[in-house]
N, C-alpha and C. Protein backbone atom coordinates (compact mmCIF):
# COMPACT_ATOMS: atom_id res chain seq x y z
N MET A 1 0.82 -1.19 0.00
CA MET A 1 0.00 0.00 0.00
C MET A 1 0.87 1.26 0.00
N ASP A 2 1.97 1.21 0.72
CA ASP A 2 2.85 2.38 0.78
C ASP A 2 3.41 2.72 -0.59
N ALA A 3 3.78 1.69 -1.34
CA ALA A 3 4.32 1.92 -2.69
C ALA A 3 3.27 2.55 -3.59
N ALA A 4 2.04 2.06 -3.49
CA ALA A 4 0.97 2.63 -4.30
C ALA A 4 0.70 4.08 -3.90
N ARG A 5 0.67 4.35 -2.62
CA ARG A 5 0.44 5.71 -2.13
C ARG A 5 1.55 6.65 -2.62
N ARG A 6 2.81 6.20 -2.53
CA ARG A 6 3.93 7.03 -3.01
C ARG A 6 3.81 7.28 -4.51
N PHE A 7 3.45 6.24 -5.26
CA PHE A 7 3.32 6.37 -6.71
C PHE A 7 2.25 7.39 -7.07
N LEU A 8 1.10 7.30 -6.41
CA LEU A 8 0.00 8.19 -6.74
C LEU A 8 0.20 9.60 -6.23
N LEU A 9 0.76 9.75 -5.05
CA LEU A 9 0.87 11.07 -4.45
C LEU A 9 2.19 11.77 -4.76
N GLU A 10 3.26 11.00 -4.92
CA GLU A 10 4.57 11.62 -5.11
C GLU A 10 5.09 11.49 -6.53
N GLY A 11 4.48 10.66 -7.35
CA GLY A 11 4.96 10.49 -8.71
C GLY A 11 6.04 9.44 -8.80
N ARG A 12 6.76 9.45 -9.89
CA ARG A 12 7.78 8.44 -10.16
C ARG A 12 9.09 8.78 -9.45
N ASP A 13 9.85 7.73 -9.18
CA ASP A 13 11.21 7.96 -8.71
C ASP A 13 12.16 7.16 -9.61
N ASP A 14 13.45 7.27 -9.39
CA ASP A 14 14.44 6.66 -10.28
C ASP A 14 14.40 5.14 -10.29
N GLU A 15 13.82 4.51 -9.26
CA GLU A 15 13.78 3.06 -9.20
C GLU A 15 12.71 2.46 -10.10
N ARG A 16 11.82 3.28 -10.55
CA ARG A 16 10.73 2.78 -11.37
C ARG A 16 11.10 2.86 -12.83
N GLU A 17 10.16 2.43 -13.70
CA GLU A 17 10.41 2.42 -15.14
C GLU A 17 10.73 3.82 -15.66
N PRO A 18 11.43 3.93 -16.77
CA PRO A 18 11.81 5.23 -17.31
C PRO A 18 10.60 6.08 -17.65
N GLU A 19 10.79 7.38 -17.67
CA GLU A 19 9.71 8.34 -17.93
C GLU A 19 9.04 8.10 -19.28
N ARG A 20 9.80 7.65 -20.27
CA ARG A 20 9.20 7.43 -21.59
C ARG A 20 8.14 6.34 -21.56
N ASP A 21 8.20 5.45 -20.59
CA ASP A 21 7.21 4.39 -20.46
C ASP A 21 6.07 4.77 -19.52
N ALA A 22 6.11 5.97 -19.01
CA ALA A 22 5.09 6.41 -18.07
C ALA A 22 3.75 6.56 -18.77
N PRO A 23 2.68 6.22 -18.09
CA PRO A 23 1.36 6.41 -18.70
C PRO A 23 1.09 7.90 -18.90
N PRO A 24 0.35 8.25 -19.94
CA PRO A 24 0.08 9.67 -20.17
C PRO A 24 -0.76 10.23 -19.03
N ARG A 25 -0.46 11.43 -18.65
CA ARG A 25 -1.21 12.10 -17.59
C ARG A 25 -1.73 13.42 -18.14
N LEU A 26 -2.96 13.76 -17.79
CA LEU A 26 -3.58 14.98 -18.28
C LEU A 26 -3.18 16.14 -17.36
N THR A 27 -1.99 16.66 -17.62
CA THR A 27 -1.48 17.79 -16.85
C THR A 27 -1.26 18.95 -17.81
N LEU A 28 -1.10 20.15 -17.27
CA LEU A 28 -0.84 21.31 -18.12
C LEU A 28 0.42 21.10 -18.94
N GLN A 29 1.45 20.52 -18.32
CA GLN A 29 2.70 20.28 -19.04
C GLN A 29 2.47 19.31 -20.20
N ALA A 30 1.69 18.25 -19.99
CA ALA A 30 1.41 17.29 -21.06
C ALA A 30 0.58 17.94 -22.16
N LEU A 31 -0.40 18.74 -21.77
CA LEU A 31 -1.24 19.41 -22.77
C LEU A 31 -0.45 20.39 -23.62
N GLU A 32 0.54 21.04 -23.02
CA GLU A 32 1.36 21.98 -23.77
C GLU A 32 2.21 21.29 -24.83
N LYS A 33 2.51 20.01 -24.63
CA LYS A 33 3.32 19.27 -25.59
C LYS A 33 2.50 18.74 -26.77
N ILE A 34 1.19 18.65 -26.60
CA ILE A 34 0.32 18.06 -27.62
C ILE A 34 0.03 19.09 -28.70
N ARG A 35 0.25 18.71 -29.92
CA ARG A 35 -0.09 19.55 -31.07
C ARG A 35 -1.52 19.23 -31.46
N MET A 36 -2.37 20.23 -31.50
CA MET A 36 -3.75 20.03 -31.87
C MET A 36 -3.85 19.81 -33.37
N SER A 37 -4.33 18.66 -33.78
CA SER A 37 -4.29 18.30 -35.19
C SER A 37 -5.58 18.59 -35.95
N ARG A 38 -6.69 18.66 -35.29
CA ARG A 38 -7.95 18.88 -36.00
C ARG A 38 -8.21 20.37 -36.17
N SER A 39 -8.54 20.74 -37.37
CA SER A 39 -8.83 22.14 -37.64
C SER A 39 -10.23 22.50 -37.13
N ARG A 40 -10.45 23.76 -36.94
CA ARG A 40 -11.76 24.27 -36.53
C ARG A 40 -12.83 23.79 -37.52
N GLU A 41 -12.52 23.91 -38.80
CA GLU A 41 -13.49 23.53 -39.83
C GLU A 41 -13.84 22.05 -39.77
N ARG A 42 -12.82 21.22 -39.53
CA ARG A 42 -13.05 19.78 -39.46
C ARG A 42 -13.92 19.42 -38.27
N ILE A 43 -13.66 20.01 -37.13
CA ILE A 43 -14.44 19.72 -35.92
C ILE A 43 -15.89 20.13 -36.11
N LEU A 44 -16.10 21.35 -36.60
CA LEU A 44 -17.47 21.82 -36.79
C LEU A 44 -18.18 21.06 -37.91
N SER A 45 -17.43 20.62 -38.91
CA SER A 45 -18.01 19.80 -39.98
C SER A 45 -18.45 18.44 -39.44
N ASN A 46 -17.64 17.83 -38.58
CA ASN A 46 -18.02 16.56 -37.96
C ASN A 46 -19.26 16.71 -37.10
N LEU A 47 -19.33 17.79 -36.35
CA LEU A 47 -20.51 18.07 -35.54
C LEU A 47 -21.74 18.21 -36.42
N ASP A 48 -21.61 18.97 -37.50
CA ASP A 48 -22.72 19.19 -38.42
C ASP A 48 -23.19 17.87 -39.03
N GLU A 49 -22.26 17.05 -39.45
CA GLU A 49 -22.60 15.77 -40.07
C GLU A 49 -23.34 14.86 -39.09
N MET A 50 -22.86 14.81 -37.87
CA MET A 50 -23.48 13.96 -36.86
C MET A 50 -24.93 14.39 -36.59
N TYR A 51 -25.14 15.68 -36.39
CA TYR A 51 -26.49 16.15 -36.12
C TYR A 51 -27.38 16.08 -37.35
N ARG A 52 -26.83 16.30 -38.53
CA ARG A 52 -27.63 16.23 -39.76
C ARG A 52 -28.20 14.82 -39.94
N GLU A 53 -27.37 13.81 -39.69
CA GLU A 53 -27.85 12.42 -39.81
C GLU A 53 -28.98 12.15 -38.82
N ALA A 54 -28.82 12.57 -37.59
CA ALA A 54 -29.85 12.37 -36.57
C ALA A 54 -31.11 13.16 -36.92
N PHE A 55 -30.93 14.38 -37.41
CA PHE A 55 -32.08 15.21 -37.78
C PHE A 55 -32.84 14.58 -38.95
N ASP A 56 -32.12 14.06 -39.93
CA ASP A 56 -32.76 13.41 -41.07
C ASP A 56 -33.57 12.19 -40.64
N ARG A 57 -33.06 11.43 -39.68
CA ARG A 57 -33.82 10.28 -39.16
C ARG A 57 -35.10 10.75 -38.47
N ALA A 58 -34.99 11.81 -37.67
CA ALA A 58 -36.17 12.34 -36.98
C ALA A 58 -37.16 12.90 -37.99
N LYS A 59 -36.66 13.53 -39.03
CA LYS A 59 -37.53 14.10 -40.07
C LYS A 59 -38.25 12.99 -40.83
N ALA A 60 -37.53 11.91 -41.13
CA ALA A 60 -38.14 10.78 -41.85
C ALA A 60 -39.27 10.14 -41.04
N SER A 61 -39.14 10.15 -39.72
CA SER A 61 -40.19 9.58 -38.88
C SER A 61 -41.21 10.63 -38.44
N ALA A 62 -41.05 11.85 -38.97
CA ALA A 62 -41.98 12.97 -38.68
C ALA A 62 -42.07 13.25 -37.18
N ASP A 63 -40.97 13.11 -36.48
CA ASP A 63 -40.92 13.36 -35.04
C ASP A 63 -40.54 14.82 -34.79
N GLN A 64 -41.54 15.66 -34.71
CA GLN A 64 -41.32 17.10 -34.57
C GLN A 64 -40.60 17.46 -33.27
N SER A 65 -40.93 16.79 -32.19
CA SER A 65 -40.28 17.11 -30.91
C SER A 65 -38.79 16.74 -30.95
N GLN A 66 -38.47 15.60 -31.58
CA GLN A 66 -37.07 15.20 -31.70
C GLN A 66 -36.32 16.17 -32.60
N MET A 67 -36.96 16.63 -33.68
CA MET A 67 -36.33 17.58 -34.59
C MET A 67 -36.02 18.89 -33.85
N ALA A 68 -36.96 19.36 -33.04
CA ALA A 68 -36.75 20.59 -32.28
C ALA A 68 -35.64 20.41 -31.25
N ALA A 69 -35.63 19.25 -30.57
CA ALA A 69 -34.60 18.98 -29.57
C ALA A 69 -33.22 18.91 -30.23
N LEU A 70 -33.13 18.28 -31.38
CA LEU A 70 -31.85 18.17 -32.09
C LEU A 70 -31.37 19.54 -32.59
N ASP A 71 -32.30 20.36 -33.05
CA ASP A 71 -31.94 21.69 -33.51
C ASP A 71 -31.33 22.52 -32.38
N PHE A 72 -31.99 22.48 -31.21
CA PHE A 72 -31.47 23.20 -30.05
C PHE A 72 -30.12 22.63 -29.61
N ALA A 73 -30.03 21.31 -29.54
CA ALA A 73 -28.79 20.67 -29.09
C ALA A 73 -27.64 20.99 -30.04
N TYR A 74 -27.92 21.00 -31.33
CA TYR A 74 -26.88 21.31 -32.31
C TYR A 74 -26.34 22.73 -32.10
N ARG A 75 -27.25 23.68 -31.96
CA ARG A 75 -26.80 25.07 -31.76
C ARG A 75 -26.03 25.23 -30.46
N ARG A 76 -26.46 24.55 -29.41
CA ARG A 76 -25.76 24.62 -28.12
C ARG A 76 -24.37 24.00 -28.23
N GLU A 77 -24.27 22.81 -28.82
CA GLU A 77 -22.98 22.15 -28.97
C GLU A 77 -22.04 22.95 -29.87
N GLN A 78 -22.59 23.55 -30.91
CA GLN A 78 -21.77 24.37 -31.80
C GLN A 78 -21.16 25.55 -31.02
N LEU A 79 -21.97 26.19 -30.20
CA LEU A 79 -21.47 27.29 -29.38
C LEU A 79 -20.38 26.81 -28.41
N TYR A 80 -20.61 25.68 -27.75
CA TYR A 80 -19.60 25.13 -26.84
C TYR A 80 -18.29 24.86 -27.56
N PHE A 81 -18.39 24.21 -28.73
CA PHE A 81 -17.17 23.90 -29.48
C PHE A 81 -16.45 25.17 -29.93
N GLU A 82 -17.19 26.17 -30.36
CA GLU A 82 -16.55 27.41 -30.78
C GLU A 82 -15.81 28.07 -29.63
N ILE A 83 -16.40 28.04 -28.44
CA ILE A 83 -15.73 28.59 -27.26
C ILE A 83 -14.45 27.81 -26.96
N LEU A 84 -14.56 26.49 -26.96
CA LEU A 84 -13.38 25.66 -26.69
C LEU A 84 -12.30 25.85 -27.75
N LEU A 85 -12.70 25.98 -28.99
CA LEU A 85 -11.73 26.20 -30.06
C LEU A 85 -11.06 27.56 -29.93
N ASP A 86 -11.82 28.56 -29.51
CA ASP A 86 -11.22 29.88 -29.26
C ASP A 86 -10.17 29.79 -28.15
N ILE A 87 -10.49 29.05 -27.10
CA ILE A 87 -9.53 28.87 -26.01
C ILE A 87 -8.30 28.13 -26.50
N ARG A 88 -8.50 27.08 -27.29
CA ARG A 88 -7.37 26.32 -27.83
C ARG A 88 -6.48 27.22 -28.68
N GLU A 89 -7.07 28.03 -29.53
CA GLU A 89 -6.28 28.91 -30.39
C GLU A 89 -5.52 29.95 -29.57
N ALA A 90 -6.14 30.46 -28.52
CA ALA A 90 -5.46 31.42 -27.66
C ALA A 90 -4.28 30.76 -26.94
N MET A 91 -4.45 29.51 -26.51
CA MET A 91 -3.35 28.79 -25.85
C MET A 91 -2.22 28.52 -26.83
N GLU A 92 -2.56 28.18 -28.07
CA GLU A 92 -1.53 27.93 -29.07
C GLU A 92 -0.74 29.19 -29.39
N ARG A 93 -1.42 30.33 -29.46
CA ARG A 93 -0.75 31.60 -29.74
C ARG A 93 0.16 32.00 -28.58
N ARG A 94 -0.28 31.66 -27.36
CA ARG A 94 0.49 31.98 -26.17
C ARG A 94 1.81 31.23 -26.15
N GLY A 95 1.78 29.98 -26.62
CA GLY A 95 2.96 29.12 -26.54
C GLY A 95 3.85 29.28 -27.66
């Protein structure tokens, strides 16, 4: 138990496996090393495609409430993604 506690609370030491074999950790330092590969256009296009398919299914079944719910959800998710993408771009410019 002590070894597990030290590993979780204190991190790695020299007796353990090399850093290159360490499991990825979601830390600010790790995030700064990651190059964001998806473009804004690609992300928003994927979102659009996903919702369009669901909307078309709801439209084919004439489910008006589902169509309205999907329309609202799409606009909300699009706004969330745009905010996150703005933050990502600001972080990339900073670094």
